[in-house]
Amino acid sequence: STPKPLRDALPTARQHTESIDFVSPALSTFWGRPIHMRGWVLLPPGY
């Protein structure tokens, strides 16, 4: 159901998005195993 303009923007948006996969020392110490903090960074046009 996503509008066509947004569907058309997906490839370019994806090119300007980078993943976050960071292993936290503090959380890993707490749990006794590697704990990942995850997310995405979206960079603005012209970055």
PDB file of all heavy atoms in Angstrom:
ATOM      1  N   SER A   1       0.811  -1.219   0.000  1.00  0.00           N
ATOM      2  CA  SER A   1       0.000   0.000   0.000  1.00  0.00           C
ATOM      3  C   SER A   1       0.847   1.275   0.000  1.00  0.00           C
ATOM      4  O   SER A   1       0.305   2.384  -0.044  1.00  0.00           O
ATOM      5  CB  SER A   1      -0.930   0.010   1.213  1.00  0.00           C
ATOM      6  OG  SER A   1      -0.185   0.014   2.426  1.00  0.00           O
ATOM      7  N   THR A   2       2.177   1.138   0.056  1.00  0.00           N
ATOM      8  CA  THR A   2       3.053   2.309   0.055  1.00  0.00           C
ATOM      9  C   THR A   2       2.883   3.087  -1.249  1.00  0.00           C
ATOM     10  O   THR A   2       2.921   2.508  -2.336  1.00  0.00           O
ATOM     11  CB  THR A   2       4.526   1.877   0.203  1.00  0.00           C
ATOM     12  OG1 THR A   2       4.673   1.120   1.415  1.00  0.00           O
ATOM     13  CG2 THR A   2       5.442   3.096   0.242  1.00  0.00           C
ATOM     14  N   PRO A   3       2.706   4.409  -1.155  1.00  0.00           N
ATOM     15  CA  PRO A   3       2.539   5.225  -2.372  1.00  0.00           C
ATOM     16  C   PRO A   3       3.724   5.069  -3.324  1.00  0.00           C
ATOM     17  O   PRO A   3       4.865   4.869  -2.900  1.00  0.00           O
ATOM     18  CB  PRO A   3       2.443   6.652  -1.834  1.00  0.00           C
ATOM     19  CG  PRO A   3       1.954   6.491  -0.423  1.00  0.00           C
ATOM     20  CD  PRO A   3       2.561   5.208   0.072  1.00  0.00           C
ATOM     21  N   LYS A   4       3.441   5.179  -4.609  1.00  0.00           N
ATOM     22  CA  LYS A   4       4.467   4.974  -5.637  1.00  0.00           C
ATOM     23  C   LYS A   4       5.671   5.906  -5.479  1.00  0.00           C
ATOM     24  O   LYS A   4       6.819   5.466  -5.648  1.00  0.00           O
ATOM     25  CB  LYS A   4       3.869   5.134  -7.026  1.00  0.00           C
ATOM     26  CG  LYS A   4       4.840   4.786  -8.162  1.00  0.00           C
ATOM     27  CD  LYS A   4       4.169   4.873  -9.515  1.00  0.00           C
ATOM     28  CE  LYS A   4       5.108   4.410 -10.634  1.00  0.00           C
ATOM     29  NZ  LYS A   4       6.361   5.196 -10.690  1.00  0.00           N
ATOM     30  N   PRO A   5       5.483   7.205  -5.161  1.00  0.00           N
ATOM     31  CA  PRO A   5       6.665   8.073  -4.991  1.00  0.00           C
ATOM     32  C   PRO A   5       7.649   7.554  -3.941  1.00  0.00           C
ATOM     33  O   PRO A   5       8.865   7.664  -4.119  1.00  0.00           O
ATOM     34  CB  PRO A   5       6.053   9.414  -4.568  1.00  0.00           C
ATOM     35  CG  PRO A   5       4.688   9.402  -5.169  1.00  0.00           C
ATOM     36  CD  PRO A   5       4.226   7.985  -5.053  1.00  0.00           C
ATOM     37  N   LEU A   6       7.123   6.973  -2.865  1.00  0.00           N
ATOM     38  CA  LEU A   6       8.012   6.422  -1.839  1.00  0.00           C
ATOM     39  C   LEU A   6       8.672   5.138  -2.318  1.00  0.00           C
ATOM     40  O   LEU A   6       9.852   4.888  -2.033  1.00  0.00           O
ATOM     41  CB  LEU A   6       7.242   6.178  -0.546  1.00  0.00           C
ATOM     42  CG  LEU A   6       6.761   7.418   0.211  1.00  0.00           C
ATOM     43  CD1 LEU A   6       6.079   7.021   1.504  1.00  0.00           C
ATOM     44  CD2 LEU A   6       7.932   8.366   0.506  1.00  0.00           C
ATOM     45  N   ARG A   7       7.928   4.320  -3.053  1.00  0.00           N
ATOM     46  CA  ARG A   7       8.520   3.100  -3.592  1.00  0.00           C
ATOM     47  C   ARG A   7       9.643   3.442  -4.565  1.00  0.00           C
ATOM     48  O   ARG A   7      10.685   2.780  -4.597  1.00  0.00           O
ATOM     49  CB  ARG A   7       7.452   2.255  -4.279  1.00  0.00           C
ATOM     50  CG  ARG A   7       6.298   1.858  -3.376  1.00  0.00           C
ATOM     51  CD  ARG A   7       5.312   0.930  -4.069  1.00  0.00           C
ATOM     52  NE  ARG A   7       5.896  -0.388  -4.227  1.00  0.00           N
ATOM     53  CZ  ARG A   7       5.899  -1.321  -3.291  1.00  0.00           C
ATOM     54  NH1 ARG A   7       5.339  -1.074  -2.118  1.00  0.00           N
ATOM     55  NH2 ARG A   7       6.452  -2.498  -3.505  1.00  0.00           N
ATOM     56  N   ASP A   8       9.438   4.496  -5.343  1.00  0.00           N
ATOM     57  CA  ASP A   8      10.466   4.932  -6.295  1.00  0.00           C
ATOM     58  C   ASP A   8      11.698   5.488  -5.579  1.00  0.00           C
ATOM     59  O   ASP A   8      12.813   5.412  -6.102  1.00  0.00           O
ATOM     60  CB  ASP A   8       9.895   5.991  -7.240  1.00  0.00           C
ATOM     61  CG  ASP A   8       8.823   5.427  -8.170  1.00  0.00           C
ATOM     62  OD1 ASP A   8       8.762   4.187  -8.327  1.00  0.00           O
ATOM     63  OD2 ASP A   8       8.045   6.227  -8.738  1.00  0.00           O
ATOM     64  N   ALA A   9      11.487   6.041  -4.375  1.00  0.00           N
ATOM     65  CA  ALA A   9      12.600   6.647  -3.635  1.00  0.00           C
ATOM     66  C   ALA A   9      13.428   5.616  -2.874  1.00  0.00           C
ATOM     67  O   ALA A   9      14.529   5.928  -2.401  1.00  0.00           O
ATOM     68  CB  ALA A   9      12.059   7.688  -2.652  1.00  0.00           C
ATOM     69  N   LEU A  10      12.921   4.391  -2.761  1.00  0.00           N
ATOM     70  CA  LEU A  10      13.594   3.373  -1.946  1.00  0.00           C
ATOM     71  C   LEU A  10      15.041   3.120  -2.356  1.00  0.00           C
ATOM     72  O   LEU A  10      15.936   3.125  -1.488  1.00  0.00           O
ATOM     73  CB  LEU A  10      12.797   2.077  -1.974  1.00  0.00           C
ATOM     74  CG  LEU A  10      13.442   0.857  -1.302  1.00  0.00           C
ATOM     75  CD1 LEU A  10      13.679   1.130   0.176  1.00  0.00           C
ATOM     76  CD2 LEU A  10      12.570  -0.386  -1.466  1.00  0.00           C
ATOM     77  N   PRO A  11      15.352   2.894  -3.639  1.00  0.00           N
ATOM     78  CA  PRO A  11      16.747   2.576  -3.986  1.00  0.00           C
ATOM     79  C   PRO A  11      17.737   3.675  -3.580  1.00  0.00           C
ATOM     80  O   PRO A  11      18.812   3.381  -3.055  1.00  0.00           O
ATOM     81  CB  PRO A  11      16.699   2.402  -5.503  1.00  0.00           C
ATOM     82  CG  PRO A  11      15.280   2.033  -5.802  1.00  0.00           C
ATOM     83  CD  PRO A  11      14.466   2.805  -4.816  1.00  0.00           C
ATOM     84  N   THR A  12      17.359   4.931  -3.812  1.00  0.00           N
ATOM     85  CA  THR A  12      18.270   6.034  -3.460  1.00  0.00           C
ATOM     86  C   THR A  12      18.380   6.188  -1.952  1.00  0.00           C
ATOM     87  O   THR A  12      19.470   6.442  -1.417  1.00  0.00           O
ATOM     88  CB  THR A  12      17.780   7.346  -4.082  1.00  0.00           C
ATOM     89  OG1 THR A  12      17.529   7.149  -5.463  1.00  0.00           O
ATOM     90  CG2 THR A  12      18.818   8.438  -3.922  1.00  0.00           C
ATOM     91  N   ALA A  13      17.256   6.049  -1.257  1.00  0.00           N
ATOM     92  CA  ALA A  13      17.292   6.136   0.210  1.00  0.00           C
ATOM     93  C   ALA A  13      18.209   5.058   0.776  1.00  0.00           C
ATOM     94  O   ALA A  13      18.986   5.311   1.716  1.00  0.00           O
ATOM     95  CB  ALA A  13      15.883   5.987   0.771  1.00  0.00           C
ATOM     96  N   ARG A  14      18.140   3.886   0.198  1.00  0.00           N
ATOM     97  CA  ARG A  14      18.967   2.776   0.689  1.00  0.00           C
ATOM     98  C   ARG A  14      20.449   3.063   0.465  1.00  0.00           C
ATOM     99  O   ARG A  14      21.288   2.714   1.309  1.00  0.00           O
ATOM    100  CB  ARG A  14      18.565   1.487  -0.023  1.00  0.00           C
ATOM    101  CG  ARG A  14      19.187   0.234   0.552  1.00  0.00           C
ATOM    102  CD  ARG A  14      18.551  -1.015  -0.028  1.00  0.00           C
ATOM    103  NE  ARG A  14      19.135  -2.222   0.517  1.00  0.00           N
ATOM    104  CZ  ARG A  14      18.734  -3.446   0.228  1.00  0.00           C
ATOM    105  NH1 ARG A  14      17.719  -3.630  -0.621  1.00  0.00           N
ATOM    106  NH2 ARG A  14      19.322  -4.504   0.772  1.00  0.00           N
ATOM    107  N   GLN A  15      20.763   3.725  -0.626  1.00  0.00           N
ATOM    108  CA  GLN A  15      22.165   4.074  -0.909  1.00  0.00           C
ATOM    109  C   GLN A  15      22.722   5.061   0.115  1.00  0.00           C
ATOM    110  O   GLN A  15      23.925   5.115   0.343  1.00  0.00           O
ATOM    111  CB  GLN A  15      22.280   4.667  -2.312  1.00  0.00           C
ATOM    112  CG  GLN A  15      22.025   3.674  -3.436  1.00  0.00           C
ATOM    113  CD  GLN A  15      21.997   4.334  -4.806  1.00  0.00           C
ATOM    114  OE1 GLN A  15      22.245   5.542  -4.937  1.00  0.00           O
ATOM    115  NE2 GLN A  15      21.684   3.562  -5.836  1.00  0.00           N
ATOM    116  N   HIS A  16      21.848   5.855   0.700  1.00  0.00           N
ATOM    117  CA  HIS A  16      22.278   6.868   1.672  1.00  0.00           C
ATOM    118  C   HIS A  16      22.093   6.399   3.116  1.00  0.00           C
ATOM    119  O   HIS A  16      22.170   7.209   4.043  1.00  0.00           O
ATOM    120  CB  HIS A  16      21.510   8.167   1.441  1.00  0.00           C
ATOM    121  CG  HIS A  16      21.936   8.902   0.215  1.00  0.00           C
ATOM    122  ND1 HIS A  16      21.531   8.533  -1.054  1.00  0.00           N
ATOM    123  CD2 HIS A  16      22.758   9.971   0.046  1.00  0.00           C
ATOM    124  CE1 HIS A  16      22.060   9.349  -1.945  1.00  0.00           C
ATOM    125  NE2 HIS A  16      22.819  10.221  -1.313  1.00  0.00           N
ATOM    126  N   THR A  17      21.844   5.114   3.287  1.00  0.00           N
ATOM    127  CA  THR A  17      21.629   4.554   4.625  1.00  0.00           C
ATOM    128  C   THR A  17      22.717   3.535   4.939  1.00  0.00           C
ATOM    129  O   THR A  17      23.042   2.686   4.115  1.00  0.00           O
ATOM    130  CB  THR A  17      20.249   3.873   4.711  1.00  0.00           C
ATOM    131  OG1 THR A  17      19.229   4.801   4.336  1.00  0.00           O
ATOM    132  CG2 THR A  17      19.979   3.379   6.113  1.00  0.00           C
ATOM    133  N   GLU A  18      23.277   3.638   6.127  1.00  0.00           N
ATOM    134  CA  GLU A  18      24.312   2.704   6.568  1.00  0.00           C
ATOM    135  C   GLU A  18      23.878   2.036   7.863  1.00  0.00           C
ATOM    136  O   GLU A  18      23.227   2.660   8.709  1.00  0.00           O
ATOM    137  CB  GLU A  18      25.645   3.433   6.749  1.00  0.00           C
ATOM    138  CG  GLU A  18      26.155   4.075   5.464  1.00  0.00           C
ATOM    139  CD  GLU A  18      27.519   4.728   5.635  1.00  0.00           C
ATOM    140  OE1 GLU A  18      28.107   4.598   6.742  1.00  0.00           O
ATOM    141  OE2 GLU A  18      27.991   5.365   4.678  1.00  0.00           O
ATOM    142  N   SER A  19      24.221   0.774   8.002  1.00  0.00           N
ATOM    143  CA  SER A  19      23.789   0.013   9.174  1.00  0.00           C
ATOM    144  C   SER A  19      24.700   0.270  10.379  1.00  0.00           C
ATOM    145  O   SER A  19      25.878   0.588  10.234  1.00  0.00           O
ATOM    146  CB  SER A  19      23.757  -1.479   8.862  1.00  0.00           C
ATOM    147  OG  SER A  19      25.070  -1.959   8.624  1.00  0.00           O
ATOM    148  N   ILE A  20      24.106   0.114  11.548  1.00  0.00           N
ATOM    149  CA  ILE A  20      24.838   0.174  12.812  1.00  0.00           C
ATOM    150  C   ILE A  20      24.849  -1.233  13.403  1.00  0.00           C
ATOM    151  O   ILE A  20      23.795  -1.854  13.558  1.00  0.00           O
ATOM    152  CB  ILE A  20      24.163   1.128  13.811  1.00  0.00           C
ATOM    153  CG1 ILE A  20      24.141   2.564  13.279  1.00  0.00           C
ATOM    154  CG2 ILE A  20      24.870   1.077  15.162  1.00  0.00           C
ATOM    155  CD1 ILE A  20      23.292   3.504  14.133  1.00  0.00           C
ATOM    156  N   ASP A  21      26.011  -1.731  13.693  1.00  0.00           N
ATOM    157  CA  ASP A  21      26.156  -3.009  14.398  1.00  0.00           C
ATOM    158  C   ASP A  21      27.364  -2.863  15.314  1.00  0.00           C
ATOM    159  O   ASP A  21      28.494  -3.177  14.953  1.00  0.00           O
ATOM    160  CB  ASP A  21      26.331  -4.159  13.419  1.00  0.00           C
ATOM    161  CG  ASP A  21      26.263  -5.519  14.107  1.00  0.00           C
ATOM    162  OD1 ASP A  21      26.255  -5.545  15.350  1.00  0.00           O
ATOM    163  OD2 ASP A  21      26.220  -6.540  13.402  1.00  0.00           O
ATOM    164  N   PHE A  22      27.097  -2.361  16.512  1.00  0.00           N
ATOM    165  CA  PHE A  22      28.152  -1.987  17.450  1.00  0.00           C
ATOM    166  C   PHE A  22      28.095  -2.900  18.670  1.00  0.00           C
ATOM    167  O   PHE A  22      27.055  -3.040  19.308  1.00  0.00           O
ATOM    168  CB  PHE A  22      27.952  -0.524  17.876  1.00  0.00           C
ATOM    169  CG  PHE A  22      28.881  -0.048  18.954  1.00  0.00           C
ATOM    170  CD1 PHE A  22      30.204   0.276  18.654  1.00  0.00           C
ATOM    171  CD2 PHE A  22      28.444   0.088  20.264  1.00  0.00           C
ATOM    172  CE1 PHE A  22      31.062   0.730  19.647  1.00  0.00           C
ATOM    173  CE2 PHE A  22      29.295   0.536  21.259  1.00  0.00           C
ATOM    174  CZ  PHE A  22      30.612   0.856  20.954  1.00  0.00           C
ATOM    175  N   VAL A  23      29.207  -3.524  18.979  1.00  0.00           N
ATOM    176  CA  VAL A  23      29.282  -4.373  20.169  1.00  0.00           C
ATOM    177  C   VAL A  23      29.655  -3.496  21.359  1.00  0.00           C
ATOM    178  O   VAL A  23      30.735  -2.904  21.407  1.00  0.00           O
ATOM    179  CB  VAL A  23      30.312  -5.505  19.989  1.00  0.00           C
ATOM    180  CG1 VAL A  23      30.411  -6.326  21.270  1.00  0.00           C
ATOM    181  CG2 VAL A  23      29.910  -6.400  18.821  1.00  0.00           C
ATOM    182  N   SER A  24      28.748  -3.401  22.314  1.00  0.00           N
ATOM    183  CA  SER A  24      28.933  -2.530  23.473  1.00  0.00           C
ATOM    184  C   SER A  24      29.786  -3.208  24.546  1.00  0.00           C
ATOM    185  O   SER A  24      29.419  -4.287  25.036  1.00  0.00           O
ATOM    186  CB  SER A  24      27.579  -2.161  24.071  1.00  0.00           C
ATOM    187  OG  SER A  24      27.713  -1.683  25.398  1.00  0.00           O
ATOM    188  N   PRO A  25      30.904  -2.597  24.945  1.00  0.00           N
ATOM    189  CA  PRO A  25      31.699  -3.165  26.046  1.00  0.00           C
ATOM    190  C   PRO A  25      30.912  -3.246  27.350  1.00  0.00           C
ATOM    191  O   PRO A  25      30.979  -4.247  28.061  1.00  0.00           O
ATOM    192  CB  PRO A  25      32.883  -2.200  26.160  1.00  0.00           C
ATOM    193  CG  PRO A  25      33.009  -1.591  24.793  1.00  0.00           C
ATOM    194  CD  PRO A  25      31.597  -1.460  24.295  1.00  0.00           C
ATOM    195  N   ALA A  26      30.145  -2.179  27.666  1.00  0.00           N
ATOM    196  CA  ALA A  26      29.418  -2.153  28.941  1.00  0.00           C
ATOM    197  C   ALA A  26      28.336  -3.221  28.981  1.00  0.00           C
ATOM    198  O   ALA A  26      28.193  -3.949  29.977  1.00  0.00           O
ATOM    199  CB  ALA A  26      28.811  -0.770  29.172  1.00  0.00           C
ATOM    200  N   LEU A  27      27.554  -3.337  27.912  1.00  0.00           N
ATOM    201  CA  LEU A  27      26.484  -4.331  27.877  1.00  0.00           C
ATOM    202  C   LEU A  27      27.043  -5.751  27.804  1.00  0.00           C
ATOM    203  O   LEU A  27      26.489  -6.682  28.396  1.00  0.00           O
ATOM    204  CB  LEU A  27      25.562  -4.062  26.693  1.00  0.00           C
ATOM    205  CG  LEU A  27      24.677  -2.824  26.821  1.00  0.00           C
ATOM    206  CD1 LEU A  27      24.051  -2.470  25.481  1.00  0.00           C
ATOM    207  CD2 LEU A  27      23.586  -3.040  27.874  1.00  0.00           C
ATOM    208  N   SER A  28      28.145  -5.919  27.089  1.00  0.00           N
ATOM    209  CA  SER A  28      28.758  -7.241  26.984  1.00  0.00           C
ATOM    210  C   SER A  28      29.305  -7.695  28.327  1.00  0.00           C
ATOM    211  O   SER A  28      29.216  -8.879  28.681  1.00  0.00           O
ATOM    212  CB  SER A  28      29.873  -7.221  25.929  1.00  0.00           C
ATOM    213  OG  SER A  28      29.358  -6.882  24.650  1.00  0.00           O
ATOM    214  N   THR A  29      29.842  -6.768  29.085  1.00  0.00           N
ATOM    215  CA  THR A  29      30.319  -7.094  30.427  1.00  0.00           C
ATOM    216  C   THR A  29      29.154  -7.498  31.321  1.00  0.00           C
ATOM    217  O   THR A  29      29.239  -8.467  32.086  1.00  0.00           O
ATOM    218  CB  THR A  29      31.065  -5.898  31.041  1.00  0.00           C
ATOM    219  OG1 THR A  29      32.225  -5.604  30.247  1.00  0.00           O
ATOM    220  CG2 THR A  29      31.496  -6.202  32.469  1.00  0.00           C
ATOM    221  N   PHE A  30      28.050  -6.767  31.216  1.00  0.00           N
ATOM    222  CA  PHE A  30      26.877  -7.051  32.037  1.00  0.00           C
ATOM    223  C   PHE A  30      26.337  -8.448  31.748  1.00  0.00           C
ATOM    224  O   PHE A  30      26.014  -9.211  32.673  1.00  0.00           O
ATOM    225  CB  PHE A  30      25.787  -6.003  31.772  1.00  0.00           C
ATOM    226  CG  PHE A  30      24.509  -6.233  32.532  1.00  0.00           C
ATOM    227  CD1 PHE A  30      24.329  -5.710  33.805  1.00  0.00           C
ATOM    228  CD2 PHE A  30      23.471  -6.975  31.975  1.00  0.00           C
ATOM    229  CE1 PHE A  30      23.155  -5.938  34.511  1.00  0.00           C
ATOM    230  CE2 PHE A  30      22.291  -7.206  32.674  1.00  0.00           C
ATOM    231  CZ  PHE A  30      22.135  -6.673  33.948  1.00  0.00           C
ATOM    232  N   TRP A  31      26.230  -8.815  30.468  1.00  0.00           N
ATOM    233  CA  TRP A  31      25.620 -10.083  30.087  1.00  0.00           C
ATOM    234  C   TRP A  31      26.620 -11.239  29.992  1.00  0.00           C
ATOM    235  O   TRP A  31      26.221 -12.399  29.933  1.00  0.00           O
ATOM    236  CB  TRP A  31      24.897  -9.925  28.743  1.00  0.00           C
ATOM    237  CG  TRP A  31      23.594  -9.197  28.872  1.00  0.00           C
ATOM    238  CD1 TRP A  31      23.352  -7.885  28.572  1.00  0.00           C
ATOM    239  CD2 TRP A  31      22.360  -9.734  29.337  1.00  0.00           C
ATOM    240  NE1 TRP A  31      22.029  -7.567  28.825  1.00  0.00           N
ATOM    241  CE2 TRP A  31      21.402  -8.695  29.296  1.00  0.00           C
ATOM    242  CE3 TRP A  31      21.957 -10.988  29.797  1.00  0.00           C
ATOM    243  CZ2 TRP A  31      20.069  -8.876  29.683  1.00  0.00           C
ATOM    244  CZ3 TRP A  31      20.632 -11.179  30.196  1.00  0.00           C
ATOM    245  CH2 TRP A  31      19.709 -10.129  30.140  1.00  0.00           C
ATOM    246  N   GLY A  32      27.899 -10.937  29.946  1.00  0.00           N
ATOM    247  CA  GLY A  32      28.897 -11.993  29.831  1.00  0.00           C
ATOM    248  C   GLY A  32      29.001 -12.584  28.437  1.00  0.00           C
ATOM    249  O   GLY A  32      29.516 -13.694  28.262  1.00  0.00           O
ATOM    250  N   ARG A  33      28.525 -11.865  27.449  1.00  0.00           N
ATOM    251  CA  ARG A  33      28.596 -12.279  26.039  1.00  0.00           C
ATOM    252  C   ARG A  33      28.456 -11.035  25.174  1.00  0.00           C
ATOM    253  O   ARG A  33      27.992  -9.989  25.653  1.00  0.00           O
ATOM    254  CB  ARG A  33      27.490 -13.279  25.708  1.00  0.00           C
ATOM    255  CG  ARG A  33      26.084 -12.791  25.996  1.00  0.00           C
ATOM    256  CD  ARG A  33      25.046 -13.869  25.748  1.00  0.00           C
ATOM    257  NE  ARG A  33      23.711 -13.477  26.182  1.00  0.00           N
ATOM    258  CZ  ARG A  33      22.852 -12.760  25.474  1.00  0.00           C
ATOM    259  NH1 ARG A  33      23.206 -12.346  24.246  1.00  0.00           N
ATOM    260  NH2 ARG A  33      21.647 -12.460  25.940  1.00  0.00           N
ATOM    261  N   PRO A  34      28.854 -11.092  23.915  1.00  0.00           N
ATOM    262  CA  PRO A  34      28.763  -9.901  23.056  1.00  0.00           C
ATOM    263  C   PRO A  34      27.314  -9.440  22.872  1.00  0.00           C
ATOM    264  O   PRO A  34      26.453 -10.227  22.488  1.00  0.00           O
ATOM    265  CB  PRO A  34      29.365 -10.369  21.731  1.00  0.00           C
ATOM    266  CG  PRO A  34      30.223 -11.540  22.080  1.00  0.00           C
ATOM    267  CD  PRO A  34      29.531 -12.214  23.224  1.00  0.00           C
ATOM    268  N   ILE A  35      27.064  -8.184  23.169  1.00  0.00           N
ATOM    269  CA  ILE A  35      25.744  -7.584  22.982  1.00  0.00           C
ATOM    270  C   ILE A  35      25.849  -6.491  21.921  1.00  0.00           C
ATOM    271  O   ILE A  35      26.658  -5.567  22.049  1.00  0.00           O
ATOM    272  CB  ILE A  35      25.194  -6.996  24.296  1.00  0.00           C
ATOM    273  CG1 ILE A  35      25.022  -8.093  25.338  1.00  0.00           C
ATOM    274  CG2 ILE A  35      23.866  -6.278  24.042  1.00  0.00           C
ATOM    275  CD1 ILE A  35      24.010  -9.169  24.973  1.00  0.00           C
ATOM    276  N   HIS A  36      25.031  -6.612  20.889  1.00  0.00           N
ATOM    277  CA  HIS A  36      25.079  -5.695  19.764  1.00  0.00           C
ATOM    278  C   HIS A  36      24.043  -4.588  19.912  1.00  0.00           C
ATOM    279  O   HIS A  36      22.882  -4.851  20.264  1.00  0.00           O
ATOM    280  CB  HIS A  36      24.827  -6.446  18.456  1.00  0.00           C
ATOM    281  CG  HIS A  36      25.873  -7.461  18.132  1.00  0.00           C
ATOM    282  ND1 HIS A  36      26.782  -7.306  17.098  1.00  0.00           N
ATOM    283  CD2 HIS A  36      26.171  -8.658  18.708  1.00  0.00           C
ATOM    284  CE1 HIS A  36      27.580  -8.350  17.047  1.00  0.00           C
ATOM    285  NE2 HIS A  36      27.230  -9.189  18.016  1.00  0.00           N
ATOM    286  N   MET A  37      24.441  -3.371  19.610  1.00  0.00           N
ATOM    287  CA  MET A  37      23.519  -2.244  19.479  1.00  0.00           C
ATOM    288  C   MET A  37      23.338  -2.027  17.981  1.00  0.00           C
ATOM    289  O   MET A  37      24.328  -1.843  17.251  1.00  0.00           O
ATOM    290  CB  MET A  37      24.070  -0.993  20.157  1.00  0.00           C
ATOM    291  CG  MET A  37      24.402  -1.191  21.625  1.00  0.00           C
ATOM    292  SD  MET A  37      25.013   0.320  22.437  1.00  0.00           S
ATOM    293  CE  MET A  37      23.473   1.233  22.645  1.00  0.00           C
ATOM    294  N   ARG A  38      22.081  -2.049  17.534  1.00  0.00           N
ATOM    295  CA  ARG A  38      21.829  -2.016  16.096  1.00  0.00           C
ATOM    296  C   ARG A  38      20.941  -0.843  15.710  1.00  0.00           C
ATOM    297  O   ARG A  38      20.196  -0.300  16.521  1.00  0.00           O
ATOM    298  CB  ARG A  38      21.196  -3.332  15.640  1.00  0.00           C
ATOM    299  CG  ARG A  38      22.120  -4.539  15.763  1.00  0.00           C
ATOM    300  CD  ARG A  38      21.500  -5.788  15.143  1.00  0.00           C
ATOM    301  NE  ARG A  38      22.466  -6.860  15.010  1.00  0.00           N
ATOM    302  CZ  ARG A  38      22.691  -7.800  15.911  1.00  0.00           C
ATOM    303  NH1 ARG A  38      21.996  -7.787  17.035  1.00  0.00           N
ATOM    304  NH2 ARG A  38      23.586  -8.749  15.714  1.00  0.00           N
ATOM    305  N   GLY A  39      21.019  -0.490  14.438  1.00  0.00           N
ATOM    306  CA  GLY A  39      20.192   0.588  13.921  1.00  0.00           C
ATOM    307  C   GLY A  39      20.636   0.979  12.528  1.00  0.00           C
ATOM    308  O   GLY A  39      21.336   0.213  11.833  1.00  0.00           O
ATOM    309  N   TRP A  40      20.240   2.183  12.125  1.00  0.00           N
ATOM    310  CA  TRP A  40      20.566   2.698  10.791  1.00  0.00           C
ATOM    311  C   TRP A  40      20.938   4.172  10.884  1.00  0.00           C
ATOM    312  O   TRP A  40      20.385   4.910  11.706  1.00  0.00           O
ATOM    313  CB  TRP A  40      19.374   2.548   9.848  1.00  0.00           C
ATOM    314  CG  TRP A  40      18.864   1.152   9.698  1.00  0.00           C
ATOM    315  CD1 TRP A  40      17.820   0.579  10.382  1.00  0.00           C
ATOM    316  CD2 TRP A  40      19.367   0.142   8.816  1.00  0.00           C
ATOM    317  NE1 TRP A  40      17.656  -0.721   9.982  1.00  0.00           N
ATOM    318  CE2 TRP A  40      18.572  -1.020   9.025  1.00  0.00           C
ATOM    319  CE3 TRP A  40      20.392   0.105   7.866  1.00  0.00           C
ATOM    320  CZ2 TRP A  40      18.783  -2.202   8.321  1.00  0.00           C
ATOM    321  CZ3 TRP A  40      20.603  -1.070   7.171  1.00  0.00           C
ATOM    322  CH2 TRP A  40      19.808  -2.204   7.389  1.00  0.00           C
ATOM    323  N   VAL A  41      21.849   4.596  10.032  1.00  0.00           N
ATOM    324  CA  VAL A  41      22.194   6.015   9.892  1.00  0.00           C
ATOM    325  C   VAL A  41      21.764   6.453   8.498  1.00  0.00           C
ATOM    326  O   VAL A  41      22.238   5.909   7.494  1.00  0.00           O
ATOM    327  CB  VAL A  41      23.708   6.261  10.072  1.00  0.00           C
ATOM    328  CG1 VAL A  41      24.045   7.727   9.814  1.00  0.00           C
ATOM    329  CG2 VAL A  41      24.152   5.851  11.474  1.00  0.00           C
ATOM    330  N   LEU A  42      20.862   7.427   8.447  1.00  0.00           N
ATOM    331  CA  LEU A  42      20.417   7.998   7.175  1.00  0.00           C
ATOM    332  C   LEU A  42      21.112   9.341   6.985  1.00  0.00           C
ATOM    333  O   LEU A  42      20.949  10.262   7.802  1.00  0.00           O
ATOM    334  CB  LEU A  42      18.900   8.189   7.170  1.00  0.00           C
ATOM    335  CG  LEU A  42      18.322   8.918   5.950  1.00  0.00           C
ATOM    336  CD1 LEU A  42      18.585   8.137   4.660  1.00  0.00           C
ATOM    337  CD2 LEU A  42      16.825   9.179   6.134  1.00  0.00           C
ATOM    338  N   LEU A  43      21.886   9.440   5.925  1.00  0.00           N
ATOM    339  CA  LEU A  43      22.640  10.655   5.632  1.00  0.00           C
ATOM    340  C   LEU A  43      21.824  11.565   4.713  1.00  0.00           C
ATOM    341  O   LEU A  43      21.110  11.091   3.829  1.00  0.00           O
ATOM    342  CB  LEU A  43      23.976  10.301   4.981  1.00  0.00           C
ATOM    343  CG  LEU A  43      24.861   9.367   5.822  1.00  0.00           C
ATOM    344  CD1 LEU A  43      26.062   8.891   5.030  1.00  0.00           C
ATOM    345  CD2 LEU A  43      25.300  10.074   7.107  1.00  0.00           C
ATOM    346  N   PRO A  44      21.921  12.885   4.889  1.00  0.00           N
ATOM    347  CA  PRO A  44      21.093  13.809   4.108  1.00  0.00           C
ATOM    348  C   PRO A  44      21.583  13.958   2.672  1.00  0.00           C
ATOM    349  O   PRO A  44      22.738  13.612   2.362  1.00  0.00           O
ATOM    350  CB  PRO A  44      21.231  15.121   4.873  1.00  0.00           C
ATOM    351  CG  PRO A  44      22.589  15.034   5.503  1.00  0.00           C
ATOM    352  CD  PRO A  44      22.780  13.580   5.861  1.00  0.00           C
ATOM    353  N   PRO A  45      20.743  14.468   1.787  1.00  0.00           N
ATOM    354  CA  PRO A  45      21.179  14.733   0.409  1.00  0.00           C
ATOM    355  C   PRO A  45      22.390  15.669   0.399  1.00  0.00           C
ATOM    356  O   PRO A  45      22.446  16.636   1.157  1.00  0.00           O
ATOM    357  CB  PRO A  45      19.953  15.409  -0.225  1.00  0.00           C
ATOM    358  CG  PRO A  45      18.799  14.947   0.607  1.00  0.00           C
ATOM    359  CD  PRO A  45      19.325  14.802   1.998  1.00  0.00           C
ATOM    360  N   GLY A  46      23.358  15.350  -0.435  1.00  0.00           N
ATOM    361  CA  GLY A  46      24.544  16.189  -0.533  1.00  0.00           C
ATOM    362  C   GLY A  46      25.600  15.910   0.507  1.00  0.00           C
ATOM    363  O   GLY A  46      26.641  16.578   0.536  1.00  0.00           O
ATOM    364  N   TYR A  47      25.381  14.916   1.352  1.00  0.00           N
ATOM    365  CA  TYR A  47      26.358  14.608   2.390  1.00  0.00           C
ATOM    366  C   TYR A  47      27.680  14.188   1.754  1.00  0.00           C
ATOM    367  O   TYR A  47      27.727  13.359   0.846  1.00  0.00           O
ATOM    368  CB  TYR A  47      25.841  13.485   3.283  1.00  0.00           C
ATOM    369  CG  TYR A  47      26.812  13.068   4.374  1.00  0.00           C
ATOM    370  CD1 TYR A  47      26.820  13.720   5.595  1.00  0.00           C
ATOM    371  CD2 TYR A  47      27.718  12.020   4.167  1.00  0.00           C
ATOM    372  CE1 TYR A  47      27.709  13.338   6.601  1.00  0.00           C
ATOM    373  CE2 TYR A  47      28.603  11.629   5.161  1.00  0.00           C
ATOM    374  CZ  TYR A  47      28.601  12.294   6.376  1.00  0.00           C
ATOM    375  OH  TYR A  47      29.481  11.921   7.363  1.00  0.00           O
TER     376      TYR A  47
END
